Amino acid sequence: MGRLTTHVLDVAAGRPARGMAIELRAFDPEVFLGRFETNADGRLDAPALEGAAFRPGRYELLFHVGAYFAARDADVGAPPFLDLVPVRFGIDDADAHYHVPLLVTPWSYATYRGS
């Protein structure tokens, strides 16, 4: 069975991003699917999507980067340079594992399809 997972690395600090809020939405039609928070390892405690809910379509993970860095007293500017970071992606195989990580600093981010 397929599943969607994510993790966040705070590249500026060189460690997992503990306590970052993440929202998940589906499109066609747009549906809010959940709000999560990363654990001490920068991961979710369970897949964001799995089982019957995991199906082909377009999705968005919305990472609350600005609030994460503000809670750590990082100098991010006012308003912060990065606040909400959306990552939109497609799922075309309901039996695959889709892993969408975020590597982030207050000034930059990168993502990729992981395993």
Protein backbone atom coordinates (compact mmCIF):
# COMPACT_ATOMS: atom_id res chain seq x y z
CA MET A 1 0.00 0.00 0.00
CA GLY A 2 1.19 3.50 -0.84
CA ARG A 3 1.96 6.24 1.62
CA LEU A 4 3.15 9.84 1.86
CA THR A 5 5.89 10.81 4.30
CA THR A 6 8.01 13.90 4.85
CA HIS A 7 10.80 15.21 7.00
CA VAL A 8 12.39 18.62 7.51
CA LEU A 9 16.06 19.39 8.06
CA ASP A 10 17.11 22.75 9.50
CA VAL A 11 20.26 23.12 7.41
CA ALA A 12 21.26 26.38 9.14
CA ALA A 13 21.42 24.61 12.51
CA GLY A 14 22.58 21.27 11.13
CA ARG A 15 19.76 19.26 12.75
CA PRO A 16 16.20 18.01 12.24
CA ALA A 17 13.52 20.72 12.38
CA ARG A 18 11.60 19.74 15.51
CA GLY A 19 8.16 21.31 15.99
CA MET A 20 7.49 22.61 12.48
CA ALA A 21 3.81 22.74 11.52
CA ILE A 22 2.86 21.23 8.16
CA GLU A 23 -0.51 21.22 6.39
CA LEU A 24 -1.62 18.83 3.66
CA ARG A 25 -4.15 19.60 0.94
CA ALA A 26 -5.43 17.74 -2.09
CA PHE A 27 -6.68 19.38 -5.28
CA ASP A 28 -9.38 18.43 -7.80
CA PRO A 29 -11.31 19.41 -5.70
CA GLU A 30 -9.34 21.27 -3.05
CA VAL A 31 -9.63 19.47 0.27
CA PHE A 32 -7.80 20.10 3.56
CA LEU A 33 -6.43 16.74 4.70
CA GLY A 34 -4.62 17.52 7.92
CA ARG A 35 -2.20 19.49 10.04
CA PHE A 36 0.88 17.87 11.49
CA GLU A 37 3.95 18.74 13.53
CA THR A 38 7.43 17.33 13.11
CA ASN A 39 8.89 15.27 15.94
CA ALA A 40 12.43 15.37 17.40
CA ASP A 41 13.75 13.65 14.27
CA GLY A 42 12.09 16.25 11.99
CA ARG A 43 9.59 13.63 10.79
CA LEU A 44 5.91 12.97 11.29
CA ASP A 45 4.98 10.23 13.76
CA ALA A 46 2.95 8.49 11.05
CA PRO A 47 2.49 8.88 7.28
CA ALA A 48 0.60 12.04 6.31
CA LEU A 49 -1.47 9.96 3.91
CA GLU A 50 -1.91 6.20 3.55
CA GLY A 51 -4.43 3.45 3.01
CA ALA A 52 -7.64 4.19 1.16
CA ALA A 53 -7.00 7.95 1.43
CA PHE A 54 -3.77 7.61 -0.55
CA ARG A 55 -4.69 7.91 -4.20
CA PRO A 56 -3.39 9.52 -7.38
CA GLY A 57 -3.84 13.26 -7.67
CA ARG A 58 -2.28 16.65 -7.00
CA TYR A 59 -1.26 17.57 -3.46
CA GLU A 60 0.40 20.33 -1.49
CA LEU A 61 2.45 20.23 1.68
CA LEU A 62 2.55 23.68 3.30
CA PHE A 63 5.54 24.06 5.62
CA HIS A 64 5.31 26.79 8.32
CA VAL A 65 8.94 27.85 8.04
CA GLY A 66 8.59 31.44 9.32
CA ALA A 67 6.93 30.41 12.59
CA TYR A 68 9.50 27.63 13.09
CA PHE A 69 12.48 30.01 12.80
CA ALA A 70 10.74 32.78 14.80
CA ALA A 71 10.23 30.33 17.69
CA ARG A 72 14.00 29.77 17.65
CA ASP A 73 14.76 33.52 17.73
CA ALA A 74 16.41 33.34 14.30
CA ASP A 75 17.06 36.63 12.55
CA VAL A 76 14.69 36.16 9.62
CA GLY A 77 13.65 39.73 8.84
CA ALA A 78 10.32 41.41 9.40
CA PRO A 79 8.37 40.11 7.64
CA PRO A 80 10.40 36.91 7.32
CA PHE A 81 11.97 36.21 3.94
CA LEU A 82 10.42 32.70 3.97
CA ASP A 83 7.13 32.25 5.79
CA LEU A 84 4.90 29.55 4.30
CA VAL A 85 6.67 27.22 1.87
CA PRO A 86 4.29 25.31 -0.42
CA VAL A 87 5.46 22.16 -2.17
CA ARG A 88 3.00 20.97 -4.83
CA PHE A 89 3.47 17.54 -6.30
CA GLY A 90 1.63 14.75 -8.04
CA ILE A 91 1.00 11.15 -7.05
CA ASP A 92 0.41 8.75 -9.91
CA ASP A 93 1.00 5.35 -8.26
CA ALA A 94 -1.31 4.41 -5.37
CA ASP A 95 1.04 1.59 -4.37
CA ALA A 96 4.26 3.64 -4.11
CA HIS A 97 5.97 5.39 -1.22
CA TYR A 98 6.20 9.13 -1.85
CA HIS A 99 8.66 10.89 0.45
CA VAL A 100 8.81 14.70 0.14
CA PRO A 101 11.57 16.16 2.35
CA LEU A 102 12.36 19.83 2.90
CA LEU A 103 15.85 21.18 3.55
CA VAL A 104 15.51 24.72 4.86
CA THR A 105 17.26 27.79 6.24
CA PRO A 106 15.68 31.18 6.96
CA TRP A 107 16.81 32.22 3.45
CA SER A 108 16.52 29.16 1.22
CA TYR A 109 14.96 25.75 0.75
CA ALA A 110 15.18 22.65 -1.44
CA THR A 111 13.04 19.59 -1.92
CA TYR A 112 13.12 16.36 -3.90
CA ARG A 113 11.34 13.04 -4.18
CA GLY A 114 13.06 10.85 -1.65
CA SER A 115 12.68 7.23 -0.74
